[in-house]
């Protein structure tokens, strides 16, 4: 069964890098989430489909937060409750984990 990766913030600087590397060259199913309309249009112009966050989280085996450092905590708190048991949250900047910004939920790594 193919694993699913969700890239949150897919239209930003780090998100685009992740989309280009993971979205195009991996064996994973990749869902892209972007709440900024202009960036979402940019993804669409490149041929990518933006998936609503709630829908994507329900299917994700891995959720990658490619969002600015200042919002990692709030985005994680919004995302973790919607993640399926056994899934993994990945951040491109791990500082939030060290300063206690991340939510804890049993069954989520």
PDB file of N, CA and C in Angstrom:
ATOM      1  N   UNK A   1       0.836  -1.186   0.000  1.00  0.00           N
ATOM      2  CA  UNK A   1       0.000   0.000   0.000  1.00  0.00           C
ATOM      3  C   UNK A   1       0.880   1.248   0.000  1.00  0.00           C
ATOM      4  N   UNK A   2       0.570   2.180  -0.850  1.00  0.00           N
ATOM      5  CA  UNK A   2       1.346   3.409  -0.975  1.00  0.00           C
ATOM      6  C   UNK A   2       1.081   4.334   0.218  1.00  0.00           C
ATOM      7  N   UNK A   3       2.141   4.857   0.806  1.00  0.00           N
ATOM      8  CA  UNK A   3       2.046   5.786   1.926  1.00  0.00           C
ATOM      9  C   UNK A   3       1.732   7.189   1.398  1.00  0.00           C
ATOM     10  N   UNK A   4       1.053   7.973   2.234  1.00  0.00           N
ATOM     11  CA  UNK A   4       0.665   9.327   1.859  1.00  0.00           C
ATOM     12  C   UNK A   4       1.399  10.341   2.713  1.00  0.00           C
ATOM     13  N   UNK A   5       1.996  11.335   2.055  1.00  0.00           N
ATOM     14  CA  UNK A   5       2.642  12.461   2.721  1.00  0.00           C
ATOM     15  C   UNK A   5       1.819  13.703   2.432  1.00  0.00           C
ATOM     16  N   UNK A   6       1.546  14.470   3.478  1.00  0.00           N
ATOM     17  CA  UNK A   6       0.865  15.756   3.327  1.00  0.00           C
ATOM     18  C   UNK A   6       1.898  16.843   3.578  1.00  0.00           C
ATOM     19  N   UNK A   7       1.992  17.793   2.676  1.00  0.00           N
ATOM     20  CA  UNK A   7       2.893  18.937   2.845  1.00  0.00           C
ATOM     21  C   UNK A   7       2.030  20.155   3.150  1.00  0.00           C
ATOM     22  N   UNK A   8       2.108  20.624   4.393  1.00  0.00           N
ATOM     23  CA  UNK A   8       1.359  21.804   4.823  1.00  0.00           C
ATOM     24  C   UNK A   8       2.246  23.023   4.594  1.00  0.00           C
ATOM     25  N   UNK A   9       1.724  24.000   3.872  1.00  0.00           N
ATOM     26  CA  UNK A   9       2.542  25.156   3.484  1.00  0.00           C
ATOM     27  C   UNK A   9       3.267  24.875   2.181  1.00  0.00           C
ATOM     28  N   UNK A  10       2.638  24.073   1.333  1.00  0.00           N
ATOM     29  CA  UNK A  10       3.281  23.604   0.105  1.00  0.00           C
ATOM     30  C   UNK A  10       3.649  24.707  -0.870  1.00  0.00           C
ATOM     31  N   UNK A  11       3.032  25.869  -0.762  1.00  0.00           N
ATOM     32  CA  UNK A  11       3.317  26.944  -1.707  1.00  0.00           C
ATOM     33  C   UNK A  11       4.382  27.921  -1.260  1.00  0.00           C
ATOM     34  N   UNK A  12       4.896  27.766  -0.046  1.00  0.00           N
ATOM     35  CA  UNK A  12       5.942  28.643   0.460  1.00  0.00           C
ATOM     36  C   UNK A  12       7.321  28.204  -0.003  1.00  0.00           C
ATOM     37  N   UNK A  13       8.336  28.942   0.412  1.00  0.00           N
ATOM     38  CA  UNK A  13       9.702  28.661  -0.026  1.00  0.00           C
ATOM     39  C   UNK A  13      10.136  27.232   0.294  1.00  0.00           C
ATOM     40  N   UNK A  14      10.003  26.814   1.542  1.00  0.00           N
ATOM     41  CA  UNK A  14      10.400  25.448   1.921  1.00  0.00           C
ATOM     42  C   UNK A  14       9.407  24.417   1.393  1.00  0.00           C
ATOM     43  N   UNK A  15       8.151  24.789   1.342  1.00  0.00           N
ATOM     44  CA  UNK A  15       7.138  23.880   0.815  1.00  0.00           C
ATOM     45  C   UNK A  15       7.376  23.530  -0.638  1.00  0.00           C
ATOM     46  N   UNK A  16       7.725  24.529  -1.430  1.00  0.00           N
ATOM     47  CA  UNK A  16       8.016  24.295  -2.857  1.00  0.00           C
ATOM     48  C   UNK A  16       9.192  23.342  -3.005  1.00  0.00           C
ATOM     49  N   UNK A  17      10.212  23.521  -2.182  1.00  0.00           N
ATOM     50  CA  UNK A  17      11.364  22.602  -2.241  1.00  0.00           C
ATOM     51  C   UNK A  17      10.929  21.179  -1.927  1.00  0.00           C
ATOM     52  N   UNK A  18      10.100  21.035  -0.888  1.00  0.00           N
ATOM     53  CA  UNK A  18       9.613  19.701  -0.526  1.00  0.00           C
ATOM     54  C   UNK A  18       8.754  19.113  -1.644  1.00  0.00           C
ATOM     55  N   UNK A  19       7.878  19.922  -2.217  1.00  0.00           N
ATOM     56  CA  UNK A  19       7.031  19.468  -3.325  1.00  0.00           C
ATOM     57  C   UNK A  19       7.887  19.005  -4.492  1.00  0.00           C
ATOM     58  N   UNK A  20       8.895  19.780  -4.839  1.00  0.00           N
ATOM     59  CA  UNK A  20       9.744  19.432  -5.973  1.00  0.00           C
ATOM     60  C   UNK A  20      10.529  18.149  -5.725  1.00  0.00           C
ATOM     61  N   UNK A  21      10.994  17.941  -4.505  1.00  0.00           N
ATOM     62  CA  UNK A  21      11.796  16.745  -4.199  1.00  0.00           C
ATOM     63  C   UNK A  21      10.928  15.524  -3.907  1.00  0.00           C
ATOM     64  N   UNK A  22       9.965  15.696  -3.033  1.00  0.00           N
ATOM     65  CA  UNK A  22       9.137  14.563  -2.618  1.00  0.00           C
ATOM     66  C   UNK A  22       7.979  14.344  -3.579  1.00  0.00           C
ATOM     67  N   UNK A  23       7.349  15.441  -3.993  1.00  0.00           N
ATOM     68  CA  UNK A  23       6.163  15.336  -4.827  1.00  0.00           C
ATOM     69  C   UNK A  23       6.411  14.791  -6.208  1.00  0.00           C
ATOM     70  N   UNK A  24       7.588  15.022  -6.728  1.00  0.00           N
ATOM     71  CA  UNK A  24       7.873  14.596  -8.091  1.00  0.00           C
ATOM     72  C   UNK A  24       8.719  13.333  -8.187  1.00  0.00           C
ATOM     73  N   UNK A  25       9.490  13.038  -7.158  1.00  0.00           N
ATOM     74  CA  UNK A  25      10.489  11.984  -7.303  1.00  0.00           C
ATOM     75  C   UNK A  25      10.404  10.874  -6.265  1.00  0.00           C
ATOM     76  N   UNK A  26       9.292  10.729  -5.622  1.00  0.00           N
ATOM     77  CA  UNK A  26       9.197   9.673  -4.618  1.00  0.00           C
ATOM     78  C   UNK A  26       8.112   8.682  -5.008  1.00  0.00           C
ATOM     79  N   UNK A  27       8.072   7.603  -4.296  1.00  0.00           N
ATOM     80  CA  UNK A  27       7.025   6.617  -4.512  1.00  0.00           C
ATOM     81  C   UNK A  27       5.824   6.865  -3.627  1.00  0.00           C
ATOM     82  N   UNK A  28       5.804   8.028  -2.961  1.00  0.00           N
ATOM     83  CA  UNK A  28       4.712   8.367  -2.062  1.00  0.00           C
ATOM     84  C   UNK A  28       3.584   9.080  -2.800  1.00  0.00           C
ATOM     85  N   UNK A  29       2.409   8.945  -2.273  1.00  0.00           N
ATOM     86  CA  UNK A  29       1.286   9.784  -2.700  1.00  0.00           C
ATOM     87  C   UNK A  29       1.436  11.082  -1.916  1.00  0.00           C
ATOM     88  N   UNK A  30       1.437  12.215  -2.593  1.00  0.00           N
ATOM     89  CA  UNK A  30       1.684  13.498  -1.934  1.00  0.00           C
ATOM     90  C   UNK A  30       0.462  14.395  -2.098  1.00  0.00           C
ATOM     91  N   UNK A  31      -0.021  14.883  -0.963  1.00  0.00           N
ATOM     92  CA  UNK A  31      -1.129  15.841  -0.948  1.00  0.00           C
ATOM     93  C   UNK A  31      -0.568  17.176  -0.483  1.00  0.00           C
ATOM     94  N   UNK A  32      -0.941  18.242  -1.165  1.00  0.00           N
ATOM     95  CA  UNK A  32      -0.415  19.565  -0.847  1.00  0.00           C
ATOM     96  C   UNK A  32      -1.500  20.437  -0.255  1.00  0.00           C
ATOM     97  N   UNK A  33      -1.154  21.093   0.852  1.00  0.00           N
ATOM     98  CA  UNK A  33      -2.072  22.010   1.522  1.00  0.00           C
ATOM     99  C   UNK A  33      -1.446  23.395   1.541  1.00  0.00           C
ATOM    100  N   UNK A  34      -2.242  24.373   1.182  1.00  0.00           N
ATOM    101  CA  UNK A  34      -1.766  25.763   1.175  1.00  0.00           C
ATOM    102  C   UNK A  34      -2.972  26.663   1.396  1.00  0.00           C
ATOM    103  N   UNK A  35      -2.959  27.467   2.469  1.00  0.00           N
ATOM    104  CA  UNK A  35      -4.109  28.330   2.743  1.00  0.00           C
ATOM    105  C   UNK A  35      -3.973  29.720   2.133  1.00  0.00           C
ATOM    106  N   UNK A  36      -2.806  30.073   1.611  1.00  0.00           N
ATOM    107  CA  UNK A  36      -2.601  31.355   0.947  1.00  0.00           C
ATOM    108  C   UNK A  36      -3.069  31.198  -0.506  1.00  0.00           C
ATOM    109  N   UNK A  37      -4.090  31.979  -0.888  1.00  0.00           N
ATOM    110  CA  UNK A  37      -4.685  31.824  -2.220  1.00  0.00           C
ATOM    111  C   UNK A  37      -3.697  32.035  -3.355  1.00  0.00           C
ATOM    112  N   UNK A  38      -2.839  33.029  -3.238  1.00  0.00           N
ATOM    113  CA  UNK A  38      -1.864  33.307  -4.288  1.00  0.00           C
ATOM    114  C   UNK A  38      -0.894  32.130  -4.444  1.00  0.00           C
ATOM    115  N   UNK A  39      -0.423  31.606  -3.328  1.00  0.00           N
ATOM    116  CA  UNK A  39       0.500  30.468  -3.390  1.00  0.00           C
ATOM    117  C   UNK A  39      -0.207  29.215  -3.906  1.00  0.00           C
ATOM    118  N   UNK A  40      -1.481  29.049  -3.542  1.00  0.00           N
ATOM    119  CA  UNK A  40      -2.255  27.906  -4.046  1.00  0.00           C
ATOM    120  C   UNK A  40      -2.394  27.996  -5.566  1.00  0.00           C
ATOM    121  N   UNK A  41      -2.632  29.216  -6.071  1.00  0.00           N
ATOM    122  CA  UNK A  41      -2.708  29.396  -7.524  1.00  0.00           C
ATOM    123  C   UNK A  41      -1.370  29.071  -8.181  1.00  0.00           C
ATOM    124  N   UNK A  42      -0.272  29.449  -7.521  1.00  0.00           N
ATOM    125  CA  UNK A  42       1.054  29.133  -8.051  1.00  0.00           C
ATOM    126  C   UNK A  42       1.270  27.627  -8.165  1.00  0.00           C
ATOM    127  N   UNK A  43       0.803  26.885  -7.167  1.00  0.00           N
ATOM    128  CA  UNK A  43       0.904  25.424  -7.241  1.00  0.00           C
ATOM    129  C   UNK A  43       0.063  24.891  -8.398  1.00  0.00           C
ATOM    130  N   UNK A  44      -1.145  25.423  -8.545  1.00  0.00           N
ATOM    131  CA  UNK A  44      -2.030  24.986  -9.633  1.00  0.00           C
ATOM    132  C   UNK A  44      -1.398  25.269 -10.993  1.00  0.00           C
ATOM    133  N   UNK A  45      -0.737  26.408 -11.121  1.00  0.00           N
ATOM    134  CA  UNK A  45      -0.067  26.747 -12.380  1.00  0.00           C
ATOM    135  C   UNK A  45       1.060  25.772 -12.702  1.00  0.00           C
ATOM    136  N   UNK A  46       1.623  25.155 -11.688  1.00  0.00           N
ATOM    137  CA  UNK A  46       2.681  24.150 -11.886  1.00  0.00           C
ATOM    138  C   UNK A  46       2.095  22.756 -12.099  1.00  0.00           C
ATOM    139  N   UNK A  47       0.773  22.652 -12.065  1.00  0.00           N
ATOM    140  CA  UNK A  47       0.119  21.373 -12.316  1.00  0.00           C
ATOM    141  C   UNK A  47      -0.201  20.566 -11.069  1.00  0.00           C
ATOM    142  N   UNK A  48      -0.091  21.179  -9.888  1.00  0.00           N
ATOM    143  CA  UNK A  48      -0.383  20.489  -8.639  1.00  0.00           C
ATOM    144  C   UNK A  48      -1.783  20.842  -8.150  1.00  0.00           C
ATOM    145  N   UNK A  49      -2.392  19.933  -7.424  1.00  0.00           N
ATOM    146  CA  UNK A  49      -3.703  20.142  -6.834  1.00  0.00           C
ATOM    147  C   UNK A  49      -3.537  20.408  -5.346  1.00  0.00           C
ATOM    148  N   UNK A  50      -4.223  21.428  -4.853  1.00  0.00           N
ATOM    149  CA  UNK A  50      -4.203  21.737  -3.426  1.00  0.00           C
ATOM    150  C   UNK A  50      -5.392  21.035  -2.779  1.00  0.00           C
ATOM    151  N   UNK A  51      -5.122  20.334  -1.691  1.00  0.00           N
ATOM    152  CA  UNK A  51      -6.137  19.576  -0.962  1.00  0.00           C
ATOM    153  C   UNK A  51      -6.456  20.300   0.340  1.00  0.00           C
ATOM    154  N   UNK A  52      -7.733  20.396   0.713  1.00  0.00           N
ATOM    155  CA  UNK A  52      -8.076  20.994   2.007  1.00  0.00           C
ATOM    156  C   UNK A  52      -7.411  20.227   3.147  1.00  0.00           C
ATOM    157  N   UNK A  53      -6.948  20.960   4.157  1.00  0.00           N
ATOM    158  CA  UNK A  53      -6.177  20.359   5.248  1.00  0.00           C
ATOM    159  C   UNK A  53      -6.918  19.223   5.941  1.00  0.00           C
ATOM    160  N   UNK A  54      -8.169  19.417   6.314  1.00  0.00           N
ATOM    161  CA  UNK A  54      -8.912  18.372   7.037  1.00  0.00           C
ATOM    162  C   UNK A  54      -8.993  17.088   6.226  1.00  0.00           C
ATOM    163  N   UNK A  55      -9.235  17.214   4.955  1.00  0.00           N
ATOM    164  CA  UNK A  55      -9.312  16.049   4.068  1.00  0.00           C
ATOM    165  C   UNK A  55      -7.953  15.346   3.971  1.00  0.00           C
ATOM    166  N   UNK A  56      -6.904  16.127   3.818  1.00  0.00           N
ATOM    167  CA  UNK A  56      -5.560  15.568   3.682  1.00  0.00           C
ATOM    168  C   UNK A  56      -5.103  14.871   4.961  1.00  0.00           C
ATOM    169  N   UNK A  57      -5.361  15.481   6.117  1.00  0.00           N
ATOM    170  CA  UNK A  57      -4.925  14.905   7.390  1.00  0.00           C
ATOM    171  C   UNK A  57      -5.536  13.531   7.630  1.00  0.00           C
ATOM    172  N   UNK A  58      -6.771  13.358   7.234  1.00  0.00           N
ATOM    173  CA  UNK A  58      -7.454  12.080   7.449  1.00  0.00           C
ATOM    174  C   UNK A  58      -6.802  10.939   6.675  1.00  0.00           C
ATOM    175  N   UNK A  59      -6.053  11.276   5.627  1.00  0.00           N
ATOM    176  CA  UNK A  59      -5.420  10.265   4.781  1.00  0.00           C
ATOM    177  C   UNK A  59      -3.916  10.137   5.001  1.00  0.00           C
ATOM    178  N   UNK A  60      -3.338  11.041   5.777  1.00  0.00           N
ATOM    179  CA  UNK A  60      -1.878  11.156   5.875  1.00  0.00           C
ATOM    180  C   UNK A  60      -1.230  10.091   6.749  1.00  0.00           C
ATOM    181  N   UNK A  61      -0.146   9.530   6.242  1.00  0.00           N
ATOM    182  CA  UNK A  61       0.740   8.700   7.055  1.00  0.00           C
ATOM    183  C   UNK A  61       1.825   9.588   7.661  1.00  0.00           C
ATOM    184  N   UNK A  62       2.195  10.638   6.917  1.00  0.00           N
ATOM    185  CA  UNK A  62       3.191  11.615   7.359  1.00  0.00           C
ATOM    186  C   UNK A  62       2.646  13.002   7.053  1.00  0.00           C
ATOM    187  N   UNK A  63       2.786  13.920   8.006  1.00  0.00           N
ATOM    188  CA  UNK A  63       2.386  15.312   7.797  1.00  0.00           C
ATOM    189  C   UNK A  63       3.638  16.159   7.965  1.00  0.00           C
ATOM    190  N   UNK A  64       4.041  16.839   6.899  1.00  0.00           N
ATOM    191  CA  UNK A  64       5.227  17.691   6.927  1.00  0.00           C
ATOM    192  C   UNK A  64       4.789  19.139   7.055  1.00  0.00           C
ATOM    193  N   UNK A  65       5.279  19.818   8.105  1.00  0.00           N
ATOM    194  CA  UNK A  65       4.971  21.233   8.289  1.00  0.00           C
ATOM    195  C   UNK A  65       6.072  22.072   7.654  1.00  0.00           C
ATOM    196  N   UNK A  66       5.770  22.633   6.499  1.00  0.00           N
ATOM    197  CA  UNK A  66       6.703  23.511   5.789  1.00  0.00           C
ATOM    198  C   UNK A  66       6.178  24.934   5.935  1.00  0.00           C
ATOM    199  N   UNK A  67       6.042  25.349   7.193  1.00  0.00           N
ATOM    200  CA  UNK A  67       5.459  26.657   7.519  1.00  0.00           C
ATOM    201  C   UNK A  67       6.493  27.498   8.263  1.00  0.00           C
ATOM    202  N   UNK A  68       6.280  28.807   8.337  1.00  0.00           N
ATOM    203  CA  UNK A  68       7.223  29.656   9.068  1.00  0.00           C
ATOM    204  C   UNK A  68       7.342  29.237  10.541  1.00  0.00           C
ATOM    205  N   UNK A  69       8.538  29.419  11.082  1.00  0.00           N
ATOM    206  CA  UNK A  69       8.814  29.048  12.478  1.00  0.00           C
ATOM    207  C   UNK A  69       7.788  29.624  13.449  1.00  0.00           C
ATOM    208  N   UNK A  70       7.384  30.855  13.223  1.00  0.00           N
ATOM    209  CA  UNK A  70       6.491  31.550  14.146  1.00  0.00           C
ATOM    210  C   UNK A  70       5.110  30.910  14.258  1.00  0.00           C
ATOM    211  N   UNK A  71       4.722  30.081  13.282  1.00  0.00           N
ATOM    212  CA  UNK A  71       3.382  29.472  13.321  1.00  0.00           C
ATOM    213  C   UNK A  71       3.394  27.951  13.456  1.00  0.00           C
ATOM    214  N   UNK A  72       4.576  27.360  13.602  1.00  0.00           N
ATOM    215  CA  UNK A  72       4.649  25.899  13.708  1.00  0.00           C
ATOM    216  C   UNK A  72       3.768  25.391  14.844  1.00  0.00           C
ATOM    217  N   UNK A  73       3.848  26.014  16.007  1.00  0.00           N
ATOM    218  CA  UNK A  73       3.054  25.566  17.147  1.00  0.00           C
ATOM    219  C   UNK A  73       1.567  25.628  16.873  1.00  0.00           C
ATOM    220  N   UNK A  74       1.085  26.744  16.357  1.00  0.00           N
ATOM    221  CA  UNK A  74      -0.354  26.874  16.112  1.00  0.00           C
ATOM    222  C   UNK A  74      -0.829  25.943  14.996  1.00  0.00           C
ATOM    223  N   UNK A  75      -0.024  25.772  13.975  1.00  0.00           N
ATOM    224  CA  UNK A  75      -0.397  24.863  12.887  1.00  0.00           C
ATOM    225  C   UNK A  75      -0.389  23.413  13.392  1.00  0.00           C
ATOM    226  N   UNK A  76       0.600  23.058  14.190  1.00  0.00           N
ATOM    227  CA  UNK A  76       0.653  21.708  14.757  1.00  0.00           C
ATOM    228  C   UNK A  76      -0.561  21.445  15.638  1.00  0.00           C
ATOM    229  N   UNK A  77      -0.941  22.420  16.462  1.00  0.00           N
ATOM    230  CA  UNK A  77      -2.111  22.252  17.328  1.00  0.00           C
ATOM    231  C   UNK A  77      -3.393  22.109  16.507  1.00  0.00           C
ATOM    232  N   UNK A  78      -3.453  22.721  15.340  1.00  0.00           N
ATOM    233  CA  UNK A  78      -4.609  22.581  14.464  1.00  0.00           C
ATOM    234  C   UNK A  78      -4.593  21.249  13.719  1.00  0.00           C
ATOM    235  N   UNK A  79      -3.398  20.755  13.389  1.00  0.00           N
ATOM    236  CA  UNK A  79      -3.278  19.553  12.568  1.00  0.00           C
ATOM    237  C   UNK A  79      -3.392  18.252  13.362  1.00  0.00           C
ATOM    238  N   UNK A  80      -2.721  18.164  14.483  1.00  0.00           N
ATOM    239  CA  UNK A  80      -2.614  16.897  15.218  1.00  0.00           C
ATOM    240  C   UNK A  80      -3.972  16.268  15.549  1.00  0.00           C
ATOM    241  N   UNK A  81      -4.972  17.016  15.982  1.00  0.00           N
ATOM    242  CA  UNK A  81      -6.260  16.369  16.278  1.00  0.00           C
ATOM    243  C   UNK A  81      -6.895  15.672  15.068  1.00  0.00           C
ATOM    244  N   UNK A  82      -6.589  16.127  13.864  1.00  0.00           N
ATOM    245  CA  UNK A  82      -7.162  15.529  12.662  1.00  0.00           C
ATOM    246  C   UNK A  82      -6.343  14.411  12.061  1.00  0.00           C
ATOM    247  N   UNK A  83      -5.177  14.135  12.631  1.00  0.00           N
ATOM    248  CA  UNK A  83      -4.310  13.086  12.088  1.00  0.00           C
ATOM    249  C   UNK A  83      -4.802  11.702  12.510  1.00  0.00           C
ATOM    250  N   UNK A  84      -4.619  10.732  11.626  1.00  0.00           N
ATOM    251  CA  UNK A  84      -5.052   9.377  11.957  1.00  0.00           C
ATOM    252  C   UNK A  84      -4.043   8.714  12.891  1.00  0.00           C
ATOM    253  N   UNK A  85      -4.494   7.796  13.727  1.00  0.00           N
ATOM    254  CA  UNK A  85      -3.574   7.084  14.638  1.00  0.00           C
ATOM    255  C   UNK A  85      -2.456   6.393  13.853  1.00  0.00           C
ATOM    256  N   UNK A  86      -1.252   6.468  14.392  1.00  0.00           N
ATOM    257  CA  UNK A  86      -0.098   5.837  13.763  1.00  0.00           C
ATOM    258  C   UNK A  86       0.634   6.737  12.782  1.00  0.00           C
ATOM    259  N   UNK A  87       0.143   7.943  12.572  1.00  0.00           N
ATOM    260  CA  UNK A  87       0.804   8.849  11.629  1.00  0.00           C
ATOM    261  C   UNK A  87       1.915   9.625  12.327  1.00  0.00           C
ATOM    262  N   UNK A  88       2.723  10.292  11.522  1.00  0.00           N
ATOM    263  CA  UNK A  88       3.906  10.998  12.017  1.00  0.00           C
ATOM    264  C   UNK A  88       3.877  12.454  11.573  1.00  0.00           C
ATOM    265  N   UNK A  89       4.183  13.354  12.507  1.00  0.00           N
ATOM    266  CA  UNK A  89       4.300  14.778  12.220  1.00  0.00           C
ATOM    267  C   UNK A  89       5.780  15.097  12.031  1.00  0.00           C
ATOM    268  N   UNK A  90       6.118  15.749  10.915  1.00  0.00           N
ATOM    269  CA  UNK A  90       7.499  16.084  10.594  1.00  0.00           C
ATOM    270  C   UNK A  90       7.586  17.602  10.434  1.00  0.00           C
ATOM    271  N   UNK A  91       8.602  18.204  11.045  1.00  0.00           N
ATOM    272  CA  UNK A  91       8.819  19.641  10.899  1.00  0.00           C
ATOM    273  C   UNK A  91      10.151  19.883  10.228  1.00  0.00           C
ATOM    274  N   UNK A  92      10.217  20.896   9.405  1.00  0.00           N
ATOM    275  CA  UNK A  92      11.478  21.238   8.759  1.00  0.00           C
ATOM    276  C   UNK A  92      12.387  22.013   9.702  1.00  0.00           C
ATOM    277  N   UNK A  93      11.810  22.567  10.750  1.00  0.00           N
ATOM    278  CA  UNK A  93      12.584  23.243  11.789  1.00  0.00           C
ATOM    279  C   UNK A  93      12.168  22.638  13.117  1.00  0.00           C
ATOM    280  N   UNK A  94      13.057  21.907  13.725  1.00  0.00           N
ATOM    281  CA  UNK A  94      12.725  21.154  14.940  1.00  0.00           C
ATOM    282  C   UNK A  94      12.731  21.985  16.217  1.00  0.00           C
ATOM    283  N   UNK A  95      13.019  23.270  16.142  1.00  0.00           N
ATOM    284  CA  UNK A  95      13.101  24.095  17.350  1.00  0.00           C
ATOM    285  C   UNK A  95      11.804  24.070  18.151  1.00  0.00           C
ATOM    286  N   UNK A  96      10.654  24.026  17.491  1.00  0.00           N
ATOM    287  CA  UNK A  96       9.370  24.038  18.197  1.00  0.00           C
ATOM    288  C   UNK A  96       9.246  22.853  19.149  1.00  0.00           C
ATOM    289  N   UNK A  97       9.798  21.729  18.766  1.00  0.00           N
ATOM    290  CA  UNK A  97       9.737  20.553  19.638  1.00  0.00           C
ATOM    291  C   UNK A  97      10.547  20.766  20.910  1.00  0.00           C
ATOM    292  N   UNK A  98      11.637  21.451  20.790  1.00  0.00           N
ATOM    293  CA  UNK A  98      12.516  21.669  21.937  1.00  0.00           C
ATOM    294  C   UNK A  98      11.986  22.702  22.918  1.00  0.00           C
ATOM    295  N   UNK A  99      11.127  23.599  22.448  1.00  0.00           N
ATOM    296  CA  UNK A  99      10.621  24.623  23.362  1.00  0.00           C
ATOM    297  C   UNK A  99       9.176  24.347  23.797  1.00  0.00           C
ATOM    298  N   UNK A 100       8.699  23.146  23.532  1.00  0.00           N
ATOM    299  CA  UNK A 100       7.389  22.732  24.015  1.00  0.00           C
ATOM    300  C   UNK A 100       6.204  23.293  23.264  1.00  0.00           C
ATOM    301  N   UNK A 101       6.372  23.635  21.998  1.00  0.00           N
ATOM    302  CA  UNK A 101       5.293  24.218  21.194  1.00  0.00           C
ATOM    303  C   UNK A 101       4.367  23.181  20.570  1.00  0.00           C
ATOM    304  N   UNK A 102       4.724  21.908  20.661  1.00  0.00           N
ATOM    305  CA  UNK A 102       3.949  20.894  19.952  1.00  0.00           C
ATOM    306  C   UNK A 102       2.953  20.186  20.860  1.00  0.00           C
ATOM    307  N   UNK A 103       1.800  19.857  20.318  1.00  0.00           N
ATOM    308  CA  UNK A 103       0.822  19.120  21.097  1.00  0.00           C
ATOM    309  C   UNK A 103       1.222  17.663  21.235  1.00  0.00           C
ATOM    310  N   UNK A 104       0.730  17.020  22.275  1.00  0.00           N
ATOM    311  CA  UNK A 104       0.969  15.589  22.455  1.00  0.00           C
ATOM    312  C   UNK A 104      -0.365  14.873  22.264  1.00  0.00           C
ATOM    313  N   UNK A 105      -0.322  13.803  21.497  1.00  0.00           N
ATOM    314  CA  UNK A 105      -1.502  12.960  21.329  1.00  0.00           C
ATOM    315  C   UNK A 105      -1.026  11.520  21.229  1.00  0.00           C
ATOM    316  N   UNK A 106      -1.592  10.672  22.015  1.00  0.00           N
ATOM    317  CA  UNK A 106      -1.247   9.245  21.986  1.00  0.00           C
ATOM    318  C   UNK A 106      -1.488   8.716  20.574  1.00  0.00           C
ATOM    319  N   UNK A 107      -0.534   7.945  20.067  1.00  0.00           N
ATOM    320  CA  UNK A 107      -0.659   7.337  18.743  1.00  0.00           C
ATOM    321  C   UNK A 107      -0.107   8.179  17.612  1.00  0.00           C
ATOM    322  N   UNK A 108       0.393   9.377  17.918  1.00  0.00           N
ATOM    323  CA  UNK A 108       0.985  10.244  16.898  1.00  0.00           C
ATOM    324  C   UNK A 108       2.456  10.446  17.259  1.00  0.00           C
ATOM    325  N   UNK A 109       3.327  10.209  16.286  1.00  0.00           N
ATOM    326  CA  UNK A 109       4.767  10.399  16.511  1.00  0.00           C
ATOM    327  C   UNK A 109       5.161  11.783  16.094  1.00  0.00           C
TER     328      UNK A 109
END
